[in-house]
C-alpha atoms as a PDB file:
ATOM      1  CA  MET A   1     -38.102 -60.708  18.507  1.00  0.00           C
ATOM      2  CA  SER A   2     -36.889 -64.346  18.142  1.00  0.00           C
ATOM      3  CA  LEU A   3     -35.278 -65.577  15.118  1.00  0.00           C
ATOM      4  CA  GLN A   4     -32.522 -68.444  14.475  1.00  0.00           C
ATOM      5  CA  LEU A   5     -29.564 -66.937  12.691  1.00  0.00           C
ATOM      6  CA  ILE A   6     -28.237 -70.040  10.482  1.00  0.00           C
ATOM      7  CA  GLN A   7     -24.402 -69.471   9.377  1.00  0.00           C
ATOM      8  CA  ASN A   8     -21.203 -71.794   9.457  1.00  0.00           C
ATOM      9  CA  LYS A   9     -23.396 -75.053   9.186  1.00  0.00           C
ATOM     10  CA  LYS A  10     -23.001 -78.027   7.594  1.00  0.00           C
ATOM     11  CA  TYR A  11     -25.593 -80.767   8.211  1.00  0.00           C
ATOM     12  CA  GLY A  12     -24.791 -84.542   7.323  1.00  0.00           C
ATOM     13  CA  TYR A  13     -20.293 -83.391   7.274  1.00  0.00           C
ATOM     14  CA  ASN A  14     -19.595 -85.085  10.534  1.00  0.00           C
ATOM     15  CA  ALA A  15     -22.766 -87.990  10.086  1.00  0.00           C
ATOM     16  CA  ASN A  16     -21.745 -91.782   9.074  1.00  0.00           C
ATOM     17  CA  PRO A  17     -22.666 -91.834   4.831  1.00  0.00           C
ATOM     18  CA  ASN A  18     -24.820 -94.831   6.108  1.00  0.00           C
ATOM     19  CA  TYR A  19     -27.332 -92.798   7.910  1.00  0.00           C
ATOM     20  CA  GLU A  20     -29.478 -90.137   7.191  1.00  0.00           C
ATOM     21  CA  TYR A  21     -28.825 -87.186   9.100  1.00  0.00           C
ATOM     22  CA  LYS A  22     -31.895 -85.086  10.363  1.00  0.00           C
ATOM     23  CA  ALA A  23     -32.484 -81.799  11.980  1.00  0.00           C
ATOM     24  CA  ASP A  24     -35.644 -79.256  12.361  1.00  0.00           C
ATOM     25  CA  VAL A  25     -35.250 -75.787  12.785  1.00  0.00           C
ATOM     26  CA  PHE A  26     -38.055 -73.987  14.735  1.00  0.00           C
ATOM     27  CA  SER A  27     -38.617 -70.211  15.057  1.00  0.00           C
ATOM     28  CA  PRO A  28     -41.850 -68.270  16.356  1.00  0.00           C
ATOM     29  CA  HIS A  29     -40.699 -65.478  14.081  1.00  0.00           C
ATOM     30  CA  GLN A  30     -38.218 -65.682  11.411  1.00  0.00           C
ATOM     31  CA  ILE A  31     -35.285 -67.550  10.323  1.00  0.00           C
ATOM     32  CA  HIS A  32     -32.004 -66.440   8.543  1.00  0.00           C
ATOM     33  CA  ILE A  33     -30.153 -68.744   6.619  1.00  0.00           C
ATOM     34  CA  GLY A  34     -26.382 -67.959   4.650  1.00  0.00           C
ATOM     35  CA  GLN A  35     -23.274 -66.886   4.839  1.00  0.00           C
ATOM     36  CA  ASN A  36     -23.117 -63.315   6.033  1.00  0.00           C
ATOM     37  CA  VAL A  37     -26.501 -63.581   8.128  1.00  0.00           C
ATOM     38  CA  THR A  38     -24.497 -62.444  11.519  1.00  0.00           C
ATOM     39  CA  GLN A  39     -22.060 -60.403  13.266  1.00  0.00           C
ATOM     40  CA  ARG A  40     -19.488 -63.418  12.699  1.00  0.00           C
ATOM     41  CA  THR A  41     -15.702 -62.475  11.517  1.00  0.00           C
ATOM     42  CA  ASP A  42     -15.093 -66.116  10.514  1.00  0.00           C
ATOM     43  CA  PHE A  43     -18.212 -66.362   7.649  1.00  0.00           C
ATOM     44  CA  LYS A  44     -18.742 -69.562   5.866  1.00  0.00           C
ATOM     45  CA  THR A  45     -21.305 -71.099   4.172  1.00  0.00           C
ATOM     46  CA  VAL A  46     -24.188 -73.618   4.966  1.00  0.00           C
ATOM     47  CA  GLU A  47     -24.633 -76.561   3.554  1.00  0.00           C
ATOM     48  CA  VAL A  48     -27.036 -79.628   3.294  1.00  0.00           C
ATOM     49  CA  GLN A  49     -24.872 -82.593   3.007  1.00  0.00           C
ATOM     50  CA  GLN A  50     -25.852 -85.592   0.823  1.00  0.00           C
ATOM     51  CA  ASN A  51     -27.244 -87.796   3.585  1.00  0.00           C
ATOM     52  CA  ALA A  52     -29.029 -84.335   5.510  1.00  0.00           C
ATOM     53  CA  THR A  53     -32.773 -83.837   5.702  1.00  0.00           C
ATOM     54  CA  VAL A  54     -33.023 -80.434   7.067  1.00  0.00           C
ATOM     55  CA  HIS A  55     -36.944 -78.776   8.132  1.00  0.00           C
ATOM     56  CA  CYS A  56     -37.615 -74.902   8.424  1.00  0.00           C
ATOM     57  CA  GLN A  57     -40.313 -73.787   9.916  1.00  0.00           C
ATOM     58  CA  ALA A  58     -41.523 -69.896  11.232  1.00  0.00           C
ATOM     59  CA  ALA A  59     -44.193 -68.376  12.014  1.00  0.00           C
ATOM     60  CA  ASP A  60     -43.779 -65.245   9.935  1.00  0.00           C
ATOM     61  CA  PHE A  61     -40.430 -65.463   7.424  1.00  0.00           C
ATOM     62  CA  ILE A  62     -37.413 -67.333   5.903  1.00  0.00           C
ATOM     63  CA  SER A  63     -35.052 -65.752   4.817  1.00  0.00           C
ATOM     64  CA  ILE A  64     -32.203 -68.143   1.918  1.00  0.00           C
ATOM     65  CA  LYS A  65     -29.330 -65.858   1.408  1.00  0.00           C
ATOM     66  CA  PRO A  66     -26.387 -66.319  -0.724  1.00  0.00           C
ATOM     67  CA  GLY A  67     -24.244 -69.015   0.832  1.00  0.00           C
ATOM     68  CA  PHE A  68     -26.993 -71.723   1.107  1.00  0.00           C
ATOM     69  CA  HIS A  69     -25.839 -74.790  -0.552  1.00  0.00           C
ATOM     70  CA  ALA A  70     -28.330 -77.950  -0.136  1.00  0.00           C
ATOM     71  CA  LYS A  71     -26.067 -80.450  -2.017  1.00  0.00           C
ATOM     72  CA  ALA A  72     -28.016 -83.203  -4.293  1.00  0.00           C
ATOM     73  CA  GLY A  73     -29.698 -86.135  -3.468  1.00  0.00           C
ATOM     74  CA  SER A  74     -30.243 -83.494   0.279  1.00  0.00           C
ATOM     75  CA  ASP A  75     -33.489 -83.201   1.081  1.00  0.00           C
ATOM     76  CA  PHE A  76     -33.958 -79.153   2.409  1.00  0.00           C
ATOM     77  CA  HIS A  77     -37.810 -78.224   3.624  1.00  0.00           C
ATOM     78  CA  ALA A  78     -38.758 -74.105   4.291  1.00  0.00           C
ATOM     79  CA  GLU A  79     -41.797 -73.877   5.731  1.00  0.00           C
ATOM     80  CA  ILE A  80     -44.109 -70.711   6.666  1.00  0.00           C
ATOM     81  CA  HIS A  81     -46.336 -72.288   9.881  1.00  0.00           C
ATOM     82  CA  TYR A  82     -48.245 -70.140  12.673  1.00  0.00           C
ATOM     83  CA  TYR A  83     -48.026 -72.456  15.815  1.00  0.00           C
ATOM     84  CA  ASN A  84     -49.906 -71.163  19.355  1.00  0.00           C
ATOM     85  CA  CYS A  85     -46.416 -71.574  20.959  1.00  0.00           C
ATOM     86  CA  ASN A  86     -44.134 -70.653  24.334  1.00  0.00           C
ATOM     87  CA  THR A  87     -40.961 -69.752  24.455  1.00  0.00           C
ATOM     88  CA  THR A  88     -38.404 -71.005  26.838  1.00  0.00           C
ATOM     89  CA  LYS A  89     -35.317 -68.432  27.737  1.00  0.00           C
ATOM     90  CA  ASN A  90     -32.810 -71.232  27.623  1.00  0.00           C
ATOM     91  CA  SER A  91     -30.219 -69.540  24.267  1.00  0.00           C
ATOM     92  CA  ASN A  92     -28.301 -72.815  23.987  1.00  0.00           C
ATOM     93  CA  ALA A  93     -31.115 -76.001  23.527  1.00  0.00           C
ATOM     94  CA  ILE A  94     -30.830 -79.224  22.316  1.00  0.00           C
ATOM     95  CA  ASN A  95     -34.097 -80.639  20.887  1.00  0.00           C
ATOM     96  CA  SER A  96     -34.789 -84.257  20.393  1.00  0.00           C
ATOM     97  CA  ASN A  97     -32.973 -84.774  17.301  1.00  0.00           C
ATOM     98  CA  ASN A  98     -29.697 -82.815  18.801  1.00  0.00           C
ATOM     99  CA  THR A  99     -29.727 -80.139  17.004  1.00  0.00           C
ATOM    100  CA  ASN A 100     -28.194 -77.149  18.388  1.00  0.00           C
ATOM    101  CA  ILE A 101     -31.320 -74.450  18.724  1.00  0.00           C
ATOM    102  CA  GLU A 102     -29.379 -70.819  19.158  1.00  0.00           C
ATOM    103  CA  THR A 103     -31.738 -69.157  19.799  1.00  0.00           C
ATOM    104  CA  THR A 104     -35.275 -69.443  22.119  1.00  0.00           C
ATOM    105  CA  ASN A 105     -36.475 -73.426  21.992  1.00  0.00           C
ATOM    106  CA  PRO A 106     -40.296 -73.131  21.016  1.00  0.00           C
ATOM    107  CA  ILE A 107     -42.522 -75.604  22.889  1.00  0.00           C
ATOM    108  CA  ILE A 108     -45.040 -76.680  19.972  1.00  0.00           C
ATOM    109  CA  ASN A 109     -48.486 -77.159  21.278  1.00  0.00           C
ATOM    110  CA  GLN A 110     -49.960 -77.853  18.203  1.00  0.00           C
ATOM    111  CA  THR A 111     -49.434 -82.058  15.798  1.00  0.00           C
ATOM    112  CA  LYS A 112     -48.570 -81.638  12.229  1.00  0.00           C
ATOM    113  CA  ASN A 113     -50.644 -82.992  10.043  1.00  0.00           C
ATOM    114  CA  SER A 114     -48.260 -85.410   8.006  1.00  0.00           C
ATOM    115  CA  SER A 115     -51.150 -86.657   5.376  1.00  0.00           C
ATOM    116  CA  LYS A 116     -51.437 -82.810   4.724  1.00  0.00           C
ATOM    117  CA  HIS A 117     -47.502 -82.525   3.290  1.00  0.00           C
ATOM    118  CA  LYS A 118     -47.422 -84.220  -0.285  1.00  0.00           C
ATOM    119  CA  THR A 119     -44.087 -84.531  -2.098  1.00  0.00           C
ATOM    120  CA  ILE A 120     -42.884 -82.191  -4.822  1.00  0.00           C
ATOM    121  CA  LYS A 121     -40.572 -84.012  -7.367  1.00  0.00           C
ATOM    122  CA  VAL A 122     -38.229 -81.604  -9.719  1.00  0.00           C
ATOM    123  CA  TYR A 123     -36.605 -83.112 -12.519  1.00  0.00           C
ATOM    124  CA  PRO A 124     -34.273 -82.929 -14.134  1.00  0.00           C
ATOM    125  CA  ASN A 125     -31.918 -80.860 -11.144  1.00  0.00           C
ATOM    126  CA  PRO A 126     -29.163 -79.660 -12.728  1.00  0.00           C
ATOM    127  CA  SER A 127     -31.100 -78.926 -16.077  1.00  0.00           C
ATOM    128  CA  ASN A 128     -30.151 -77.720 -19.539  1.00  0.00           C
ATOM    129  CA  GLY A 129     -33.027 -75.313 -19.012  1.00  0.00           C
ATOM    130  CA  ASN A 130     -36.162 -77.871 -19.565  1.00  0.00           C
ATOM    131  CA  VAL A 131     -37.187 -78.315 -15.717  1.00  0.00           C
ATOM    132  CA  THR A 132     -40.467 -80.126 -15.206  1.00  0.00           C
ATOM    133  CA  ILE A 133     -42.203 -79.849 -11.303  1.00  0.00           C
ATOM    134  CA  GLU A 134     -44.516 -82.276  -9.998  1.00  0.00           C
ATOM    135  CA  LEU A 135     -46.954 -82.656  -7.312  1.00  0.00           C
ATOM    136  CA  SER A 136     -47.491 -86.146  -6.342  1.00  0.00           C
ATOM    137  CA  THR A 137     -51.473 -85.481  -5.988  1.00  0.00           C
ATOM    138  CA  ASP A 138     -54.132 -83.444  -7.831  1.00  0.00           C
ATOM    139  CA  THR A 139     -53.587 -80.295  -6.367  1.00  0.00           C
ATOM    140  CA  ASN A 140     -53.462 -76.637  -7.208  1.00  0.00           C
ATOM    141  CA  PHE A 141     -49.924 -75.273  -6.310  1.00  0.00           C
ATOM    142  CA  ASN A 142     -48.397 -71.919  -6.536  1.00  0.00           C
ATOM    143  CA  TYR A 143     -44.871 -71.153  -7.240  1.00  0.00           C
ATOM    144  CA  LYS A 144     -41.731 -68.424  -7.492  1.00  0.00           C
ATOM    145  CA  ILE A 145     -38.728 -68.671  -9.197  1.00  0.00           C
ATOM    146  CA  ILE A 146     -36.154 -66.357  -7.588  1.00  0.00           C
ATOM    147  CA  ASP A 147     -32.723 -65.630  -8.440  1.00  0.00           C
ATOM    148  CA  LEU A 148     -30.410 -65.952  -5.862  1.00  0.00           C
ATOM    149  CA  SER A 149     -30.373 -61.711  -5.709  1.00  0.00           C
ATOM    150  CA  GLY A 150     -33.648 -62.163  -4.996  1.00  0.00           C
ATOM    151  CA  LYS A 151     -35.847 -60.956  -7.633  1.00  0.00           C
ATOM    152  CA  VAL A 152     -38.492 -63.110  -9.015  1.00  0.00           C
ATOM    153  CA  ILE A 153     -38.224 -64.534 -12.264  1.00  0.00           C
ATOM    154  CA  GLN A 154     -41.406 -66.399 -12.587  1.00  0.00           C
ATOM    155  CA  ASN A 155     -44.355 -66.963 -10.342  1.00  0.00           C
ATOM    156  CA  GLY A 156     -47.972 -68.258 -10.938  1.00  0.00           C
ATOM    157  CA  GLN A 157     -50.256 -71.198 -10.413  1.00  0.00           C
ATOM    158  CA  ALA A 158     -50.147 -75.124 -11.948  1.00  0.00           C
ATOM    159  CA  TYR A 159     -52.114 -77.485 -11.289  1.00  0.00           C
ATOM    160  CA  LYS A 160     -50.622 -80.681 -10.441  1.00  0.00           C
ATOM    161  CA  GLN A 161     -47.244 -80.886 -13.236  1.00  0.00           C
ATOM    162  CA  LEU A 162     -45.537 -77.849 -14.798  1.00  0.00           C
ATOM    163  CA  ASN A 163     -42.905 -77.676 -16.998  1.00  0.00           C
ATOM    164  CA  LEU A 164     -40.560 -74.252 -17.162  1.00  0.00           C
ATOM    165  CA  LYS A 165     -37.922 -73.121 -19.518  1.00  0.00           C
ATOM    166  CA  LEU A 166     -34.760 -71.764 -17.816  1.00  0.00           C
ATOM    167  CA  GLN A 167     -32.197 -69.850 -18.402  1.00  0.00           C
ATOM    168  CA  LYS A 168     -28.780 -70.464 -17.019  1.00  0.00           C
ATOM    169  CA  GLY A 169     -27.838 -69.700 -13.707  1.00  0.00           C
ATOM    170  CA  VAL A 170     -28.280 -70.538 -10.272  1.00  0.00           C
ATOM    171  CA  TYR A 171     -32.429 -70.201  -9.012  1.00  0.00           C
ATOM    172  CA  ILE A 172     -34.081 -71.144  -5.575  1.00  0.00           C
ATOM    173  CA  LEU A 173     -37.582 -72.700  -6.654  1.00  0.00           C
ATOM    174  CA  VAL A 174     -40.381 -71.666  -3.718  1.00  0.00           C
ATOM    175  CA  VAL A 175     -43.766 -74.230  -4.020  1.00  0.00           C
ATOM    176  CA  GLU A 176     -46.524 -73.362  -1.774  1.00  0.00           C
ATOM    177  CA  TYR A 177     -49.866 -75.947  -1.607  1.00  0.00           C
ATOM    178  CA  ASP A 178     -52.374 -75.878   1.177  1.00  0.00           C
ATOM    179  CA  GLY A 179     -50.500 -73.391   3.221  1.00  0.00           C
ATOM    180  CA  VAL A 180     -47.017 -75.233   2.919  1.00  0.00           C
ATOM    181  CA  TYR A 181     -44.157 -73.993   1.836  1.00  0.00           C
ATOM    182  CA  ASP A 182     -41.341 -76.121   0.026  1.00  0.00           C
ATOM    183  CA  THR A 183     -38.424 -74.863  -1.447  1.00  0.00           C
ATOM    184  CA  GLN A 184     -35.668 -76.565  -3.942  1.00  0.00           C
ATOM    185  CA  LYS A 185     -32.239 -74.807  -4.996  1.00  0.00           C
ATOM    186  CA  LEU A 186     -32.542 -75.020  -9.090  1.00  0.00           C
ATOM    187  CA  ILE A 187     -29.487 -75.718 -10.977  1.00  0.00           C
ATOM    188  CA  ILE A 188     -29.460 -74.139 -15.037  1.00  0.00           C
ATOM    189  CA  TYR A 189     -26.615 -75.359 -16.961  1.00  0.00           C
END
């Protein structure tokens, strides 16, 4: 089974602040992101800086564990999506965005339909407890609010817009629409 283990990464850290850093992470099976996902002894966090966009795609599973931080202004997406793909055995490949791929490098045979992806707005974030989730088009969506221990705090379905009231804490919001999964970190103070 091919999987991506992402730890000790700072996406956009060394990039010029006037430029947007982009990284695409693909796996034909699983992606695990967080501070303690490998057997390394120097456990450090995964950070997405405010000038970075990171897009993760896996066919089976994406796990976001403690030690993952997406800073305000950053853009992080995790998508479960099946691709008919072949893999090379190069264990240290570089893709076209100069992103180091630490396991197998999938060769994707499917063209992504960008018109399928909608924009999700979550505001205000950070918040004092009242949060609005808004989809850019008139579409039903499913959502889950997950705490950092992995417990689902709230879930359901909404149409275009949803207003939530949450207790103080840090959460992962997972929104699913048209087979696309979008995740965002929620901070309630």
